[in-house]
Structure formats: C-alpha cells, structure tokens
Protein backbone atom coordinates (compact mmCIF):
# COMPACT_ATOMS: atom_id res chain seq x y z
CA MET A 1 1.84 -5.59 -24.45
CA ASN A 2 3.97 -8.00 -22.50
CA ALA A 3 3.54 -11.75 -22.09
CA GLN A 4 1.75 -11.37 -18.76
CA THR A 5 -0.80 -9.02 -20.28
CA HIS A 6 -1.40 -11.46 -23.14
CA PHE A 7 -1.84 -14.28 -20.64
CA ILE A 8 -4.41 -12.33 -18.67
CA THR A 9 -6.27 -11.24 -21.78
CA ASP A 10 -6.37 -14.79 -23.13
CA ASN A 11 -7.56 -16.28 -19.84
CA HIS A 12 -10.56 -14.24 -18.76
CA PRO A 13 -11.69 -15.01 -15.21
CA SER A 14 -14.92 -16.99 -15.15
CA THR A 15 -16.32 -16.30 -11.68
CA ALA A 16 -17.36 -13.12 -9.92
CA LYS A 17 -14.64 -13.61 -7.29
CA ASP A 18 -11.99 -14.08 -9.95
CA GLN A 19 -13.34 -11.07 -11.84
CA SER A 20 -13.09 -8.95 -8.70
CA GLU A 21 -9.51 -10.07 -8.09
CA PHE A 22 -8.72 -9.52 -11.78
CA ASP A 23 -10.14 -5.99 -11.64
CA GLY A 24 -8.12 -5.28 -8.51
CA PHE A 25 -4.99 -6.60 -10.20
CA MET A 26 -5.58 -4.43 -13.26
CA ASP A 27 -6.19 -1.39 -11.04
CA ASP A 28 -2.93 -2.08 -9.19
CA ARG A 29 -1.11 -2.61 -12.48
CA ALA A 30 -2.43 0.67 -13.90
CA ALA A 31 -1.44 2.51 -10.73
CA SER A 32 2.05 1.04 -10.85
CA LEU A 33 2.42 1.90 -14.54
CA ASP A 34 1.29 5.47 -13.80
CA ALA A 35 3.86 5.68 -11.02
CA ASP A 36 6.61 4.58 -13.40
CA THR A 37 5.97 7.40 -15.87
C-alpha cells in the first residue's frame, strides 16, 4: 500500500458526491493497476 492509498483510506469521503467520485477514482485505479500487470 502506497502513501496515496493510506491517505484515501484514512480520509473517507463524507458526502454522496464525494463517495461517487471516490468510487470512480478507485475503479480507475484498479483498471490502471490491472493494465500494468
């Protein structure tokens, strides 16, 4: 787990809009990690 992941985990979004953006970010991150392997 890198520093950015720790930051995200430690600072959970508090609104529905933030949660939606957070979910989209995590989906994009997972897709990019899959592409790297």
